[in-house]
Amino acid sequence: MVRVSLLQVCAILGIILTIVYLGYESRKHRKWESEQVRSSLRSKTTAAVIIIAAIIGLASIITSYMLDRWTQEIVATNADMTKITVHNLTLTSEHTLDSLWQAGFFLKKSFSSREIKDLDSLLSKLVAPQAITIIGMEGGFYLSHLKELVGYSWPTCPPPPPAYGPAPRSYNIILRQAERTVRENRPLLELHQFDVATFPLALEPVNLHGTTVGAVWARIHVERELPSSRIARWLSVAVGVIFLVLLIVFFMSLRMRIRVAEIRRGLDHLHKDTFFRLPVQKGIFGDISSSINSLVEVQLREQERREQLERDLHQQDKLATLGRLVAGVAHEVKTPLANMKTRIQMWQRRRRKMSSDNDTAGAISEESMNIVVDEIDRLSDLVKRLLVFSKPVTGRRQPADINGLLLHGLSILQPDAEVKRIKVKTILEDALPSVKLDVQAMEQVVLNIHMNALEATPEDGTIVVRTSLQKDQPAVVITVEDSGPGIPQDMLEKIFEPFFTTKEQGSGLGLSISYEIVRAHGGIIEFGRSDSGGALCRIILPLNQKGKPKNEE
């Protein structure tokens, strides 16, 4: 049927357009979409095709059902009218046919063409009043002894009326059903369809004096009234419009996806180049691009303001640190200077006293000179330690084995550990990659950390040294845990400050220097509490160190 094929065409076009569109999008953006996005796109493609096919299929079923019901109602109504027309014609023609019977018409074996023409004219006048009441109704008679249709009339036919009765194909259909009606001697109502023609055909037998001499027939063409015929007039236009709409939607959606893809690529570019801006175009996507550009500008200004604040805070921290450093230096220098001043004043008094006695021998004792020299060495060592803050590492870096560096540091402190009966346990990652280091500076860090752990661990305690490889951001991780009391929370923020110490004989520069050395290597050093409650030190040294050492900048 026409309606089914056109609906199927619509369904196929919709599915093909959906597959082509989503397939094109999948191929176009395969380079920048992740596997997860491509999988999602394939799932959306399948879901879209299934949904479209289901909607069109359901619409086709519902439409076909409604059209069939509509067709059945139209055919049934026209069949009833045809049946009524045949019955009325049978009743109105009884007197005329009986007159022909009385005249011996039905007993004659042959007829002239003039007689046939007069008979046809007579009978058609009987049919016309019955058929004229219903537009499109036509009818006539079948006479058995003539074996042909006569009295054909179609009064509502536009002029000129058919000169030779029904068309040949319809003629044969009516003739065959008429023969069956006479043979079976009962009314017959059948629906006939061929090509685009659809008509119900009703016949009633004509009985005269106990003999079936023929039949009366009537039919009406209903194909013009059927939904399929009506729909056929505009469905081709509707299909064209639907197809055009699908194309418009397809290309609009395609254009939208392309514009969205451009914005996504622009956003990816923005991650790499903050000075890049999305091209501004017309339409809603142009407004989106302008909004994104405005947002980026606001973020850049906010970032610049934040960076300026960070620089100001850093400068304030530097000044505060410098103040603490100066105070610490003043405190450290004051004591040796006072000692040296006291010795020199003692020398001066002794020398003046001996000068008055004309005896200068033994004015300066060996012990006094040793005290002055020790104090000068103390000041010199302090100056060397302070120089580390300006040059924590040298420019001479070379690949170093971290495990070997740790084992060397532990071997130096092993005698002290044995004295306190401290067990040192090492858990070292095999085949650690080499790290470019200032070996001498890093040895100092290792010794400082090990020494702090050794001093904090009580007798019969344990120190655990571990190394591991961090894979997400390639780096070597060193952890040192002790079983001591740990570092109080309020001191964790101060341990890297110069001259901050809890030891009676400590200078407070060991961890500060270690912090500067690790940071100069692009690494991180931090303290916390271990699972056992002791102190835990973690040093992270990146494998791909960026930038230059501080003394080379």
Protein backbone atom coordinates (compact mmCIF):
# COMPACT_ATOMS: atom_id res chain seq x y z
CA MET A 1 0.00 0.00 0.00
CA VAL A 2 1.11 3.57 -0.68
CA ARG A 3 0.95 4.72 2.91
CA VAL A 4 3.14 1.89 4.19
CA SER A 5 5.88 2.34 1.64
CA LEU A 6 6.08 6.09 2.17
CA LEU A 7 6.23 5.68 5.96
CA GLN A 8 8.98 3.14 5.50
CA VAL A 9 10.84 5.61 3.27
CA CYS A 10 10.56 8.23 6.01
CA ALA A 11 11.83 5.79 8.63
CA ILE A 12 14.77 4.72 6.44
CA LEU A 13 15.70 8.33 5.66
CA GLY A 14 15.57 9.29 9.31
CA ILE A 15 17.72 6.34 10.38
CA ILE A 16 20.24 6.88 7.57
CA LEU A 17 20.57 10.58 8.38
CA THR A 18 21.07 9.82 12.07
CA ILE A 19 23.74 7.18 11.38
CA VAL A 20 25.55 9.36 8.84
CA TYR A 21 25.50 12.38 11.11
CA LEU A 22 26.71 10.66 14.26
CA GLY A 23 29.23 8.59 12.30
CA TYR A 24 30.61 11.76 10.74
CA GLU A 25 30.88 13.43 14.10
CA SER A 26 32.63 10.38 15.58
CA ARG A 27 35.23 10.36 12.79
CA LYS A 28 35.68 14.13 12.75
CA HIS A 29 36.45 14.40 16.45
CA ARG A 30 38.29 11.10 16.90
CA LYS A 31 41.60 12.95 17.29
CA TRP A 32 40.55 15.09 20.22
CA GLU A 33 37.95 12.92 21.91
CA SER A 34 38.96 10.42 24.54
CA GLU A 35 38.03 6.75 24.31
CA GLN A 36 35.38 7.35 26.94
CA VAL A 37 33.81 10.12 24.84
CA ARG A 38 33.89 7.97 21.69
CA SER A 39 32.27 5.10 23.56
CA SER A 40 29.61 7.49 24.83
CA LEU A 41 29.07 8.75 21.29
CA ARG A 42 28.64 5.22 19.98
CA SER A 43 26.14 4.51 22.74
CA LYS A 44 24.26 7.68 21.90
CA THR A 45 24.26 6.72 18.22
CA THR A 46 22.76 3.32 18.97
CA ALA A 47 20.22 4.81 21.36
CA ALA A 48 19.24 7.53 18.86
CA VAL A 49 18.77 5.02 16.02
CA ILE A 50 16.70 2.71 18.23
CA ILE A 51 14.55 5.57 19.50
CA ILE A 52 13.96 7.00 16.02
CA ALA A 53 13.17 3.57 14.57
CA ALA A 54 10.85 2.80 17.49
CA ILE A 55 9.01 6.13 17.17
CA ILE A 56 8.60 5.81 13.39
CA GLY A 57 7.63 2.14 13.65
CA LEU A 58 5.06 2.89 16.35
CA ALA A 59 3.72 5.82 14.34
CA SER A 60 3.53 3.57 11.27
CA ILE A 61 1.60 0.87 13.16
CA ILE A 62 -0.82 3.35 14.70
CA THR A 63 -1.32 5.13 11.37
CA SER A 64 -1.83 1.86 9.50
CA TYR A 65 -4.36 0.69 12.10
CA MET A 66 -6.29 3.96 11.95
CA LEU A 67 -6.23 4.00 8.13
CA ASP A 68 -7.45 0.41 7.99
CA ARG A 69 -10.30 1.20 10.36
CA TRP A 70 -11.16 4.26 8.30
CA THR A 71 -11.03 2.24 5.07
CA GLN A 72 -13.25 -0.48 6.50
CA GLU A 73 -15.85 2.06 7.61
CA ILE A 74 -15.90 3.74 4.19
CA VAL A 75 -16.14 0.42 2.32
CA ALA A 76 -18.86 -0.88 4.64
CA THR A 77 -20.93 2.29 4.24
CA ASN A 78 -20.69 2.24 0.44
CA ALA A 79 -21.34 -1.51 0.34
CA ASP A 80 -24.56 -0.98 2.27
CA MET A 81 -25.60 1.77 -0.13
CA THR A 82 -24.81 -0.48 -3.09
CA LYS A 83 -26.83 -3.34 -1.59
CA ILE A 84 -29.80 -1.05 -0.94
CA THR A 85 -29.60 0.35 -4.48
CA VAL A 86 -29.63 -3.17 -5.99
CA HIS A 87 -32.60 -4.19 -3.88
CA ASN A 88 -34.58 -1.06 -4.79
CA LEU A 89 -33.75 -1.56 -8.45
CA THR A 90 -34.93 -5.16 -8.27
CA LEU A 91 -38.27 -4.07 -6.84
CA THR A 92 -38.86 -1.23 -9.31
CA SER A 93 -37.95 -3.36 -12.33
CA GLU A 94 -40.24 -6.33 -11.56
CA HIS A 95 -43.23 -4.98 -13.58
CA THR A 96 -41.13 -4.17 -16.66
CA LEU A 97 -39.34 -7.50 -16.62
CA ASP A 98 -42.60 -9.35 -16.13
CA SER A 99 -44.02 -7.54 -19.19
CA LEU A 100 -41.03 -8.73 -21.21
CA TRP A 101 -41.68 -12.26 -19.94
CA GLN A 102 -45.31 -12.10 -21.02
CA ALA A 103 -44.19 -10.88 -24.46
CA GLY A 104 -41.99 -13.97 -24.80
CA PHE A 105 -38.78 -11.99 -24.77
CA PHE A 106 -36.92 -14.43 -22.54
CA LEU A 107 -37.86 -17.37 -24.85
CA LYS A 108 -36.36 -15.93 -28.03
CA LYS A 109 -33.10 -17.41 -29.23
CA SER A 110 -31.77 -14.49 -31.24
CA PHE A 111 -32.16 -10.72 -31.32
CA SER A 112 -31.39 -8.02 -33.80
CA SER A 113 -29.14 -5.17 -32.92
CA ARG A 114 -32.16 -2.86 -32.95
CA GLU A 115 -33.94 -5.01 -30.39
CA ILE A 116 -30.85 -5.09 -28.17
CA LYS A 117 -30.51 -1.31 -28.38
CA ASP A 118 -34.15 -0.75 -27.48
CA LEU A 119 -33.86 -3.20 -24.57
CA ASP A 120 -30.72 -1.47 -23.29
CA SER A 121 -32.41 1.92 -23.45
CA LEU A 122 -35.48 0.62 -21.64
CA LEU A 123 -33.58 -0.97 -18.81
CA SER A 124 -31.17 1.97 -18.35
CA LYS A 125 -34.20 4.20 -17.74
CA LEU A 126 -35.10 1.90 -14.85
CA VAL A 127 -31.59 2.12 -13.35
CA ALA A 128 -31.09 5.88 -13.63
CA PRO A 129 -33.67 6.97 -10.98
CA GLN A 130 -32.13 4.63 -8.42
CA ALA A 131 -28.47 5.47 -9.16
CA ILE A 132 -28.90 9.22 -9.45
CA THR A 133 -29.55 9.62 -5.73
CA ILE A 134 -25.95 8.59 -4.85
CA ILE A 135 -23.02 10.29 -6.55
CA GLY A 136 -20.80 7.73 -8.25
CA MET A 137 -23.36 4.90 -8.17
CA GLU A 138 -23.72 2.86 -11.38
CA GLY A 139 -25.70 -0.26 -12.23
CA GLY A 140 -27.48 -2.41 -14.78
CA PHE A 141 -28.85 -5.84 -15.63
CA TYR A 142 -27.47 -9.22 -16.59
CA LEU A 143 -29.72 -11.41 -18.78
CA SER A 144 -28.85 -15.10 -18.78
CA HIS A 145 -30.11 -15.95 -22.27
CA LEU A 146 -28.11 -13.01 -23.71
CA LYS A 147 -25.04 -13.73 -21.50
CA GLU A 148 -24.18 -10.02 -21.40
CA LEU A 149 -24.74 -6.86 -19.42
CA VAL A 150 -27.47 -4.49 -20.55
CA GLY A 151 -29.15 -1.37 -19.26
CA TYR A 152 -25.91 0.19 -17.95
CA SER A 153 -26.48 3.58 -16.35
CA TRP A 154 -24.28 6.02 -14.49
CA PRO A 155 -26.35 9.19 -14.24
CA THR A 156 -23.86 11.11 -12.04
CA CYS A 157 -21.02 10.54 -14.48
CA PRO A 158 -19.75 13.82 -15.96
CA PRO A 159 -20.63 14.09 -19.67
CA PRO A 160 -20.17 12.38 -21.97
CA PRO A 161 -21.42 9.16 -20.28
CA PRO A 162 -19.75 5.82 -21.13
CA ALA A 163 -21.09 4.64 -24.50
CA TYR A 164 -20.35 0.93 -24.12
CA GLY A 165 -20.88 0.26 -20.43
CA PRO A 166 -18.21 -0.51 -17.87
CA ALA A 167 -14.59 -0.74 -18.87
CA PRO A 168 -13.48 -4.17 -20.15
CA ARG A 169 -11.72 -5.20 -16.96
CA SER A 170 -14.65 -4.17 -14.76
CA TYR A 171 -17.06 -5.68 -17.29
CA ASN A 172 -15.50 -9.12 -16.88
CA ILE A 173 -15.57 -8.86 -13.09
CA ILE A 174 -19.27 -7.92 -13.08
CA LEU A 175 -20.07 -10.63 -15.63
CA ARG A 176 -18.40 -13.39 -13.61
CA GLN A 177 -20.10 -12.37 -10.36
CA ALA A 178 -23.47 -12.12 -12.19
CA GLU A 179 -23.09 -15.65 -13.54
CA ARG A 180 -22.39 -16.88 -10.02
CA THR A 181 -25.42 -15.01 -8.68
CA VAL A 182 -27.70 -16.66 -11.28
CA ARG A 183 -26.09 -20.04 -10.76
CA GLU A 184 -26.37 -19.90 -6.98
CA ASN A 185 -29.66 -17.95 -7.10
CA ARG A 186 -28.73 -15.73 -4.17
CA PRO A 187 -27.56 -12.13 -3.61
CA LEU A 188 -23.80 -11.60 -3.69
CA LEU A 189 -21.86 -8.63 -2.27
CA GLU A 190 -18.08 -8.57 -2.86
CA LEU A 191 -15.26 -6.01 -2.68
CA HIS A 192 -13.05 -5.83 -5.74
CA GLN A 193 -9.65 -4.14 -6.03
CA PHE A 194 -7.21 -3.84 -8.89
CA ASP A 195 -4.60 -1.18 -9.58
CA VAL A 196 -6.04 1.91 -7.85
CA ALA A 197 -9.69 0.88 -8.34
CA THR A 198 -11.69 -0.24 -5.31
CA PHE A 199 -15.45 -0.86 -5.46
CA PRO A 200 -18.09 -2.97 -3.67
CA LEU A 201 -20.26 -4.90 -6.21
CA ALA A 202 -23.77 -6.08 -5.21
CA LEU A 203 -26.03 -8.38 -7.25
CA GLU A 204 -29.51 -9.86 -6.76
CA PRO A 205 -31.02 -12.58 -8.93
CA VAL A 206 -34.13 -11.81 -11.02
CA ASN A 207 -36.76 -14.55 -10.70
CA LEU A 208 -39.80 -14.62 -13.01
CA HIS A 209 -42.40 -17.31 -12.59
CA GLY A 210 -39.95 -19.61 -10.83
CA THR A 211 -37.15 -19.12 -13.32
CA THR A 212 -33.95 -17.14 -12.74
CA VAL A 213 -33.64 -15.06 -15.89
CA GLY A 214 -30.77 -12.79 -14.80
CA ALA A 215 -29.53 -10.46 -12.12
CA VAL A 216 -29.49 -6.79 -11.14
CA TRP A 217 -26.14 -5.24 -10.27
CA ALA A 218 -24.84 -1.99 -8.77
CA ARG A 219 -21.45 -0.71 -7.70
CA ILE A 220 -19.74 2.47 -6.57
CA HIS A 221 -16.04 3.39 -6.80
CA VAL A 222 -14.70 4.32 -3.38
CA GLU A 223 -10.98 4.70 -4.09
CA ARG A 224 -11.35 8.48 -4.19
CA GLU A 225 -12.85 8.42 -0.70
CA LEU A 226 -10.34 6.01 0.81
CA PRO A 227 -7.66 7.45 3.15
CA SER A 228 -4.93 6.03 0.96
CA SER A 229 -6.18 8.04 -2.00
CA ARG A 230 -6.57 11.17 0.04
CA ILE A 231 -3.26 10.72 1.72
CA ALA A 232 -1.59 10.02 -1.61
CA ARG A 233 -2.46 13.54 -2.69
CA TRP A 234 -0.45 15.21 0.02
CA LEU A 235 1.76 12.48 1.46
CA SER A 236 4.31 12.90 -1.33
CA VAL A 237 4.45 16.60 -0.47
CA ALA A 238 4.63 15.76 3.22
CA VAL A 239 7.46 13.31 2.59
CA GLY A 240 9.33 15.99 0.69
CA VAL A 241 8.74 18.49 3.48
CA ILE A 242 9.80 15.97 6.13
CA PHE A 243 12.91 15.13 4.17
CA LEU A 244 13.70 18.83 3.75
CA VAL A 245 13.14 19.42 7.47
CA LEU A 246 15.39 16.47 8.31
CA LEU A 247 18.09 17.87 6.06
CA ILE A 248 17.75 21.31 7.67
CA VAL A 249 17.85 19.78 11.16
CA PHE A 250 20.77 17.59 10.11
CA PHE A 251 22.86 20.46 8.83
CA MET A 252 21.87 22.76 11.70
CA SER A 253 22.82 20.07 14.19
CA LEU A 254 26.02 19.42 12.27
CA ARG A 255 26.86 23.10 12.32
CA MET A 256 26.10 23.28 16.03
CA ARG A 257 28.35 20.29 16.72
CA ILE A 258 31.13 21.87 14.66
CA ARG A 259 30.77 25.15 16.55
CA VAL A 260 30.75 23.29 19.87
CA ALA A 261 33.85 21.37 18.75
CA GLU A 262 35.57 24.66 17.87
CA ILE A 263 34.76 26.02 21.32
CA ARG A 264 36.09 22.82 22.96
CA ARG A 265 39.30 22.99 20.94
CA GLY A 266 39.57 26.66 21.87
CA LEU A 267 39.19 25.77 25.55
CA ASP A 268 41.90 23.13 25.16
CA HIS A 269 44.12 25.79 23.56
CA LEU A 270 43.33 28.14 26.45
CA HIS A 271 44.76 25.58 28.88
CA LYS A 272 48.07 25.76 27.00
CA ASP A 273 48.08 29.45 26.08
CA THR A 274 46.28 31.83 28.41
CA PHE A 275 46.70 34.67 25.89
CA PHE A 276 44.64 32.81 23.29
CA ARG A 277 41.08 34.01 22.76
CA LEU A 278 38.13 32.29 21.12
CA PRO A 279 37.10 33.77 17.77
CA VAL A 280 33.94 35.83 18.15
CA GLN A 281 31.19 35.03 15.64
CA LYS A 282 27.53 35.82 15.21
CA GLY A 283 24.71 34.00 16.93
CA ILE A 284 24.38 32.30 20.28
CA PHE A 285 27.75 30.56 19.97
CA GLY A 286 29.35 33.94 19.39
CA ASP A 287 27.77 35.10 22.66
CA ILE A 288 29.14 31.98 24.36
CA SER A 289 32.63 32.65 22.96
CA SER A 290 32.46 36.30 24.10
CA SER A 291 31.34 35.20 27.57
CA ILE A 292 34.20 32.70 27.78
CA ASN A 293 36.71 35.36 26.68
CA SER A 294 35.34 37.77 29.28
CA LEU A 295 35.53 35.09 31.96
CA VAL A 296 39.15 34.33 31.01
CA GLU A 297 40.01 38.03 31.20
CA VAL A 298 38.46 38.26 34.66
CA GLN A 299 40.32 35.13 35.78
CA LEU A 300 43.61 36.46 34.43
CA ARG A 301 43.13 39.74 36.28
CA GLU A 302 42.22 37.82 39.40
CA GLN A 303 45.26 35.58 38.96
CA GLU A 304 47.53 38.60 38.49
CA ARG A 305 46.09 40.18 41.62
CA ARG A 306 46.55 36.91 43.53
CA GLU A 307 50.12 36.56 42.27
CA GLN A 308 50.84 40.13 43.33
CA LEU A 309 49.43 39.39 46.78
CA GLU A 310 51.55 36.24 46.94
CA ARG A 311 54.62 38.23 45.97
CA ASP A 312 53.82 40.81 48.62
CA LEU A 313 53.30 38.08 51.23
CA HIS A 314 56.48 36.35 50.12
CA GLN A 315 58.36 39.61 50.42
CA GLN A 316 56.93 40.08 53.90
CA ASP A 317 57.92 36.52 54.80
CA LYS A 318 61.41 37.19 53.49
CA LEU A 319 61.66 40.33 55.56
CA ALA A 320 60.33 38.51 58.63
CA THR A 321 62.75 35.64 58.03
CA LEU A 322 65.56 38.12 57.52
CA GLY A 323 64.65 39.78 60.80
CA ARG A 324 64.69 36.44 62.62
CA LEU A 325 67.95 35.56 60.87
CA VAL A 326 69.55 38.84 61.88
CA ALA A 327 68.32 38.39 65.44
CA GLY A 328 69.67 34.86 65.49
CA VAL A 329 73.01 35.93 64.03
CA ALA A 330 73.24 38.76 66.56
CA HIS A 331 72.55 36.32 69.36
CA GLU A 332 75.07 33.78 68.08
CA VAL A 333 77.76 36.38 67.42
CA LYS A 334 77.30 38.29 70.68
CA THR A 335 78.57 35.49 72.93
CA PRO A 336 81.90 34.76 71.14
CA LEU A 337 82.51 38.50 70.68
CA ALA A 338 81.91 39.06 74.40
CA ASN A 339 84.31 36.23 75.26
CA MET A 340 86.98 37.63 72.96
CA LYS A 341 86.45 41.14 74.30
CA THR A 342 86.79 39.89 77.88
CA ARG A 343 90.08 38.08 77.09
CA ILE A 344 91.51 41.04 75.26
CA GLN A 345 90.59 43.38 78.16
CA MET A 346 92.28 40.94 80.56
CA TRP A 347 95.35 41.02 78.32
CA GLN A 348 95.33 44.81 78.32
CA ARG A 349 95.07 45.08 82.11
CA ARG A 350 97.76 42.47 82.62
CA ARG A 351 100.02 44.18 80.09
CA ARG A 352 99.58 47.61 81.76
CA LYS A 353 100.31 46.08 85.15
CA MET A 354 103.41 44.33 83.86
CA SER A 355 104.54 47.49 82.05
CA SER A 356 104.51 49.35 85.34
CA ASP A 357 106.66 46.58 86.77
CA ASN A 358 108.92 46.63 83.65
CA ASP A 359 108.08 42.91 83.07
CA THR A 360 106.04 42.00 79.93
CA ALA A 361 106.82 38.33 79.87
CA GLY A 362 103.79 36.05 80.26
CA ALA A 363 101.27 38.84 79.62
CA ILE A 364 99.22 36.54 77.38
CA SER A 365 98.74 32.97 78.43
CA GLU A 366 98.40 30.01 76.05
CA GLU A 367 94.97 29.18 77.44
CA SER A 368 93.67 32.70 76.75
CA MET A 369 94.91 32.59 73.16
CA ASN A 370 93.24 29.19 72.61
CA ILE A 371 89.94 30.58 73.88
CA VAL A 372 90.12 33.49 71.40
CA VAL A 373 91.02 31.15 68.54
CA ASP A 374 88.08 28.84 69.39
CA GLU A 375 85.68 31.75 69.44
CA ILE A 376 87.01 32.96 66.06
CA ASP A 377 86.53 29.42 64.64
CA ARG A 378 83.02 29.42 66.02
CA LEU A 379 82.24 32.66 64.21
CA SER A 380 83.82 31.34 61.03
CA ASP A 381 81.70 28.18 61.17
CA LEU A 382 78.59 30.31 61.68
CA VAL A 383 79.45 32.40 58.61
CA LYS A 384 79.94 29.26 56.52
CA ARG A 385 76.57 27.94 57.62
CA LEU A 386 74.90 31.24 56.77
CA LEU A 387 76.43 31.20 53.28
CA VAL A 388 74.42 28.07 52.52
CA PHE A 389 71.24 30.19 52.43
CA SER A 390 72.59 32.18 49.47
CA LYS A 391 74.22 29.18 47.73
CA PRO A 392 72.58 25.94 48.98
CA VAL A 393 74.00 23.88 46.09
CA THR A 394 76.76 24.28 43.53
CA GLY A 395 76.23 24.09 39.80
CA ARG A 396 78.07 20.78 39.63
CA ARG A 397 75.32 18.17 39.63
CA GLN A 398 75.81 14.57 38.67
CA PRO A 399 73.68 11.40 38.60
CA ALA A 400 73.67 9.86 42.06
CA ASP A 401 72.41 6.61 43.57
CA ILE A 402 69.99 7.59 46.34
CA ASN A 403 70.18 4.17 48.03
CA GLY A 404 73.97 4.34 48.10
CA LEU A 405 73.85 7.89 49.47
CA LEU A 406 71.58 6.81 52.33
CA LEU A 407 73.64 3.74 53.18
CA HIS A 408 76.82 5.86 53.25
CA GLY A 409 75.21 8.31 55.70
CA LEU A 410 73.99 5.47 57.92
CA SER A 411 77.46 3.91 57.98
CA ILE A 412 78.89 7.16 59.37
CA LEU A 413 76.39 7.22 62.23
CA GLN A 414 76.44 3.46 62.84
CA PRO A 415 78.84 3.67 65.85
CA ASP A 416 76.55 6.17 67.62
CA ALA A 417 73.55 3.91 66.91
CA GLU A 418 75.36 0.91 68.38
CA VAL A 419 76.16 2.85 71.55
CA LYS A 420 72.41 3.52 72.12
CA ARG A 421 71.51 0.00 70.89
CA ILE A 422 69.27 1.52 68.21
CA LYS A 423 68.16 -0.81 65.42
CA VAL A 424 68.35 0.77 61.97
CA LYS A 425 66.08 -0.91 59.39
CA THR A 426 66.32 -0.14 55.68
CA ILE A 427 63.55 -0.84 53.10
CA LEU A 428 65.04 0.32 49.82
CA GLU A 429 63.37 0.17 46.40
CA ASP A 430 65.36 -1.92 43.95
CA ALA A 431 66.60 -0.36 40.70
CA LEU A 432 65.80 3.23 41.60
CA PRO A 433 66.67 5.62 38.75
CA SER A 434 69.57 8.00 39.29
CA VAL A 435 68.88 11.60 40.31
CA LYS A 436 71.05 14.55 39.35
CA LEU A 437 72.32 16.01 42.64
CA ASP A 438 74.93 18.13 44.25
CA VAL A 439 76.20 15.05 46.08
CA GLN A 440 78.10 16.90 48.79
CA ALA A 441 75.09 19.10 49.65
CA MET A 442 72.69 16.14 49.67
CA GLU A 443 75.05 14.17 51.93
CA GLN A 444 74.76 17.03 54.40
CA VAL A 445 70.94 16.75 54.25
CA VAL A 446 71.08 13.00 54.82
CA LEU A 447 73.44 13.39 57.78
CA ASN A 448 71.24 16.09 59.33
CA ILE A 449 68.08 13.98 59.04
CA HIS A 450 69.77 10.81 60.29
CA MET A 451 71.39 12.70 63.17
CA ASN A 452 68.06 14.22 64.25
CA ALA A 453 66.41 10.79 64.12
CA LEU A 454 69.28 9.25 66.10
CA GLU A 455 69.13 11.96 68.78
CA ALA A 456 65.32 11.70 69.09
CA THR A 457 65.24 7.91 69.34
CA PRO A 458 65.61 6.47 72.86
CA GLU A 459 67.83 3.52 73.69
CA ASP A 460 66.71 0.18 72.18
CA GLY A 461 64.56 2.16 69.71
CA THR A 462 64.16 1.73 65.95
CA ILE A 463 64.83 3.89 62.90
CA VAL A 464 63.29 2.90 59.56
CA VAL A 465 64.67 4.30 56.30
CA ARG A 466 62.65 3.74 53.10
CA THR A 467 62.96 4.66 49.45
CA SER A 468 60.27 4.35 46.77
CA LEU A 469 59.44 5.54 43.27
CA GLN A 470 56.53 7.92 42.73
CA LYS A 471 55.08 7.21 39.27
CA ASP A 472 52.31 9.78 38.72
CA GLN A 473 54.82 12.63 38.89
CA PRO A 474 58.17 10.82 38.53
CA ALA A 475 60.18 11.32 41.70
CA VAL A 476 62.22 9.44 44.29
CA VAL A 477 60.73 9.48 47.79
CA ILE A 478 62.88 9.11 50.94
CA THR A 479 61.20 8.56 54.32
CA VAL A 480 62.91 8.35 57.71
CA GLU A 481 60.85 7.26 60.75
CA ASP A 482 62.01 7.09 64.34
CA SER A 483 60.41 5.69 67.48
CA GLY A 484 60.94 8.84 69.51
CA PRO A 485 58.31 11.11 71.05
CA GLY A 486 57.61 12.88 67.76
CA ILE A 487 57.41 16.59 67.01
CA PRO A 488 54.66 18.59 68.73
CA GLN A 489 52.10 20.04 66.33
CA ASP A 490 52.85 23.63 67.34
CA MET A 491 56.52 23.16 66.40
CA LEU A 492 56.01 21.65 62.93
CA GLU A 493 55.57 25.09 61.38
CA LYS A 494 58.79 26.43 62.97
CA ILE A 495 61.32 23.63 62.50
CA PHE A 496 62.67 25.06 59.23
CA GLU A 497 63.18 28.57 60.65
CA PRO A 498 66.83 29.57 61.12
CA PHE A 499 68.14 29.30 64.69
CA PHE A 500 64.98 27.55 65.91
CA THR A 501 66.01 24.58 68.05
CA THR A 502 64.91 22.61 71.09
CA LYS A 503 68.44 21.33 71.78
CA GLU A 504 70.65 22.93 74.38
CA GLN A 505 73.76 22.75 72.19
CA GLY A 506 72.04 23.06 68.80
CA SER A 507 72.57 25.97 66.42
CA GLY A 508 69.10 25.73 64.83
CA LEU A 509 70.54 25.83 61.29
CA GLY A 510 70.63 22.12 60.35
CA LEU A 511 67.02 21.75 59.16
CA SER A 512 66.97 25.26 57.67
CA ILE A 513 70.00 24.41 55.54
CA SER A 514 68.50 21.02 54.61
CA TYR A 515 65.30 22.78 53.55
CA GLU A 516 67.19 25.19 51.28
CA ILE A 517 69.25 22.38 49.72
CA VAL A 518 66.22 20.20 48.95
CA ARG A 519 64.27 23.15 47.57
CA ALA A 520 67.23 24.12 45.35
CA HIS A 521 66.96 20.61 43.83
CA GLY A 522 63.26 21.24 43.04
CA GLY A 523 62.20 18.87 45.81
CA ILE A 524 60.08 18.88 48.95
CA ILE A 525 61.00 18.13 52.56
CA GLU A 526 58.31 17.80 55.21
CA PHE A 527 57.83 16.42 58.71
CA GLY A 528 54.90 14.70 60.30
CA ARG A 529 53.95 11.95 62.73
CA SER A 530 54.48 8.27 61.92
CA ASP A 531 52.01 5.49 62.68
CA SER A 532 54.09 4.53 65.74
CA GLY A 533 53.88 8.10 67.11
CA GLY A 534 57.45 9.10 66.31
CA ALA A 535 58.70 11.70 63.85
CA LEU A 536 58.49 11.05 60.11
CA CYS A 537 60.57 12.96 57.59
CA ARG A 538 59.70 12.72 53.86
CA ILE A 539 61.95 14.02 51.09
CA ILE A 540 60.65 14.05 47.48
CA LEU A 541 63.26 14.56 44.74
CA PRO A 542 61.84 14.93 41.21
CA LEU A 543 63.54 13.03 38.40
CA ASN A 544 62.92 15.81 35.88
CA GLN A 545 64.23 18.88 37.66
CA LYS A 546 63.24 22.14 36.00
CA GLY A 547 65.01 25.45 36.27
CA LYS A 548 68.52 26.22 37.49
CA PRO A 549 70.13 25.97 40.89
CA LYS A 550 69.59 29.01 43.02
CA ASN A 551 73.18 30.15 42.71
CA GLU A 552 72.94 30.07 38.89
CA GLU A 553 69.76 32.12 38.59
